[in-house]
Amino acid sequence: MMWYGGWGWGGWIVMAMFMVLFWALVIAGVVALVHYLTGSRQGHQNSLPPSSGESGWGSRRAEDLLAERFARGEIEEDEYKRRLVLLREHR
């Protein structure tokens, strides 16, 4: 006999499922918030265009990437120098 019209075992199972769902949503929300806060600084830093008076931070970043590729051995020295000249001409 159940007192107060209880749900029996079905109520415990439903409560356990909702508790797992609740904590999964809380954890996913925290992870999404941390990802948004840390990723937003990195993503917006490279997506903003330089002001009209600047020489262009994009070309400087391109030179850095080119130097990294050369350092890793992905491109040869002559290709590195040729691309560097092209980058500096198009500033």
C-alpha atoms as a PDB file:
ATOM      1  CA  MET A   1       0.000   0.000   0.000  1.00  0.00           C
ATOM      2  CA  MET A   2       1.353   3.459  -0.938  1.00  0.00           C
ATOM      3  CA  TRP A   3       0.641   6.512   1.096  1.00  0.00           C
ATOM      4  CA  TYR A   4      -0.238   9.874  -0.438  1.00  0.00           C
ATOM      5  CA  GLY A   5      -0.663   8.444  -3.931  1.00  0.00           C
ATOM      6  CA  GLY A   6       3.089   7.933  -4.536  1.00  0.00           C
ATOM      7  CA  TRP A   7       4.521   7.068  -7.911  1.00  0.00           C
ATOM      8  CA  GLY A   8       6.311   3.920  -6.808  1.00  0.00           C
ATOM      9  CA  TRP A   9       9.434   2.818  -8.696  1.00  0.00           C
ATOM     10  CA  GLY A  10       8.442   4.736 -11.810  1.00  0.00           C
ATOM     11  CA  GLY A  11       8.775   8.013  -9.930  1.00  0.00           C
ATOM     12  CA  TRP A  12      12.308   7.195  -8.813  1.00  0.00           C
ATOM     13  CA  ILE A  13      13.345   6.262 -12.344  1.00  0.00           C
ATOM     14  CA  VAL A  14      11.888   9.481 -13.791  1.00  0.00           C
ATOM     15  CA  MET A  15      13.553  11.592 -11.084  1.00  0.00           C
ATOM     16  CA  ALA A  16      16.922   9.902 -11.734  1.00  0.00           C
ATOM     17  CA  MET A  17      16.631  10.540 -15.480  1.00  0.00           C
ATOM     18  CA  PHE A  18      15.757  14.200 -14.931  1.00  0.00           C
ATOM     19  CA  MET A  19      18.645  14.612 -12.500  1.00  0.00           C
ATOM     20  CA  VAL A  20      21.117  13.190 -15.048  1.00  0.00           C
ATOM     21  CA  LEU A  21      19.614  15.417 -17.757  1.00  0.00           C
ATOM     22  CA  PHE A  22      19.815  18.485 -15.501  1.00  0.00           C
ATOM     23  CA  TRP A  23      23.482  17.959 -14.645  1.00  0.00           C
ATOM     24  CA  ALA A  24      24.356  17.203 -18.284  1.00  0.00           C
ATOM     25  CA  LEU A  25      22.800  20.512 -19.310  1.00  0.00           C
ATOM     26  CA  VAL A  26      24.611  22.385 -16.526  1.00  0.00           C
ATOM     27  CA  ILE A  27      27.970  20.888 -17.522  1.00  0.00           C
ATOM     28  CA  ALA A  28      27.341  21.534 -21.239  1.00  0.00           C
ATOM     29  CA  GLY A  29      26.426  25.135 -20.421  1.00  0.00           C
ATOM     30  CA  VAL A  30      29.631  25.681 -18.449  1.00  0.00           C
ATOM     31  CA  VAL A  31      31.736  24.136 -21.229  1.00  0.00           C
ATOM     32  CA  ALA A  32      29.982  26.276 -23.858  1.00  0.00           C
ATOM     33  CA  LEU A  33      30.482  29.413 -21.754  1.00  0.00           C
ATOM     34  CA  VAL A  34      34.194  28.723 -21.268  1.00  0.00           C
ATOM     35  CA  HIS A  35      34.584  27.956 -24.980  1.00  0.00           C
ATOM     36  CA  TYR A  36      32.779  31.153 -25.918  1.00  0.00           C
ATOM     37  CA  LEU A  37      34.801  33.329 -23.541  1.00  0.00           C
ATOM     38  CA  THR A  38      38.187  31.916 -24.531  1.00  0.00           C
ATOM     39  CA  GLY A  39      37.441  31.442 -28.235  1.00  0.00           C
ATOM     40  CA  SER A  40      35.894  34.856 -28.749  1.00  0.00           C
ATOM     41  CA  ARG A  41      39.149  36.681 -28.004  1.00  0.00           C
ATOM     42  CA  GLN A  42      41.159  34.583 -30.437  1.00  0.00           C
ATOM     43  CA  GLY A  43      38.565  34.602 -33.209  1.00  0.00           C
ATOM     44  CA  HIS A  44      37.856  38.334 -33.189  1.00  0.00           C
ATOM     45  CA  GLN A  45      41.502  39.310 -32.943  1.00  0.00           C
ATOM     46  CA  ASN A  46      42.256  38.019 -36.437  1.00  0.00           C
ATOM     47  CA  SER A  47      38.935  38.954 -38.043  1.00  0.00           C
ATOM     48  CA  LEU A  48      39.061  42.722 -37.568  1.00  0.00           C
ATOM     49  CA  PRO A  49      40.398  44.748 -40.483  1.00  0.00           C
ATOM     50  CA  PRO A  50      43.196  47.248 -39.848  1.00  0.00           C
ATOM     51  CA  SER A  51      42.340  50.911 -39.801  1.00  0.00           C
ATOM     52  CA  SER A  52      43.099  52.932 -42.911  1.00  0.00           C
ATOM     53  CA  GLY A  53      46.306  54.435 -41.464  1.00  0.00           C
ATOM     54  CA  GLU A  54      47.955  51.116 -40.631  1.00  0.00           C
ATOM     55  CA  SER A  55      50.218  49.204 -42.986  1.00  0.00           C
ATOM     56  CA  GLY A  56      48.213  46.027 -42.376  1.00  0.00           C
ATOM     57  CA  TRP A  57      48.611  43.579 -39.547  1.00  0.00           C
ATOM     58  CA  GLY A  58      47.369  40.865 -41.913  1.00  0.00           C
ATOM     59  CA  SER A  59      50.544  40.983 -43.949  1.00  0.00           C
ATOM     60  CA  ARG A  60      52.641  40.722 -40.781  1.00  0.00           C
ATOM     61  CA  ARG A  61      50.644  37.679 -39.711  1.00  0.00           C
ATOM     62  CA  ALA A  62      51.122  36.199 -43.176  1.00  0.00           C
ATOM     63  CA  GLU A  63      54.879  36.682 -42.870  1.00  0.00           C
ATOM     64  CA  ASP A  64      54.842  34.931 -39.504  1.00  0.00           C
ATOM     65  CA  LEU A  65      52.902  31.998 -40.936  1.00  0.00           C
ATOM     66  CA  LEU A  66      55.287  31.800 -43.872  1.00  0.00           C
ATOM     67  CA  ALA A  67      58.268  31.789 -41.501  1.00  0.00           C
ATOM     68  CA  GLU A  68      56.661  28.995 -39.459  1.00  0.00           C
ATOM     69  CA  ARG A  69      56.128  26.895 -42.584  1.00  0.00           C
ATOM     70  CA  PHE A  70      59.763  27.438 -43.565  1.00  0.00           C
ATOM     71  CA  ALA A  71      60.948  26.516 -40.081  1.00  0.00           C
ATOM     72  CA  ARG A  72      58.918  23.293 -40.143  1.00  0.00           C
ATOM     73  CA  GLY A  73      60.423  22.385 -43.505  1.00  0.00           C
ATOM     74  CA  GLU A  74      57.154  22.549 -45.429  1.00  0.00           C
ATOM     75  CA  ILE A  75      58.641  24.913 -48.028  1.00  0.00           C
ATOM     76  CA  GLU A  76      62.141  25.391 -49.407  1.00  0.00           C
ATOM     77  CA  GLU A  77      64.291  28.497 -48.969  1.00  0.00           C
ATOM     78  CA  ASP A  78      63.807  29.792 -52.498  1.00  0.00           C
ATOM     79  CA  GLU A  79      60.016  29.455 -52.221  1.00  0.00           C
ATOM     80  CA  TYR A  80      60.106  31.178 -48.825  1.00  0.00           C
ATOM     81  CA  LYS A  81      62.062  34.133 -50.213  1.00  0.00           C
ATOM     82  CA  ARG A  82      59.841  34.383 -53.309  1.00  0.00           C
ATOM     83  CA  ARG A  83      56.641  34.407 -51.255  1.00  0.00           C
ATOM     84  CA  LEU A  84      58.085  36.864 -48.764  1.00  0.00           C
ATOM     85  CA  VAL A  85      58.865  39.293 -51.571  1.00  0.00           C
ATOM     86  CA  LEU A  86      55.321  38.897 -52.924  1.00  0.00           C
ATOM     87  CA  LEU A  87      53.817  39.563 -49.503  1.00  0.00           C
ATOM     88  CA  ARG A  88      55.879  42.692 -48.984  1.00  0.00           C
ATOM     89  CA  GLU A  89      55.025  44.025 -52.448  1.00  0.00           C
ATOM     90  CA  HIS A  90      51.282  43.770 -51.806  1.00  0.00           C
ATOM     91  CA  ARG A  91      51.182  45.780 -48.593  1.00  0.00           C
END
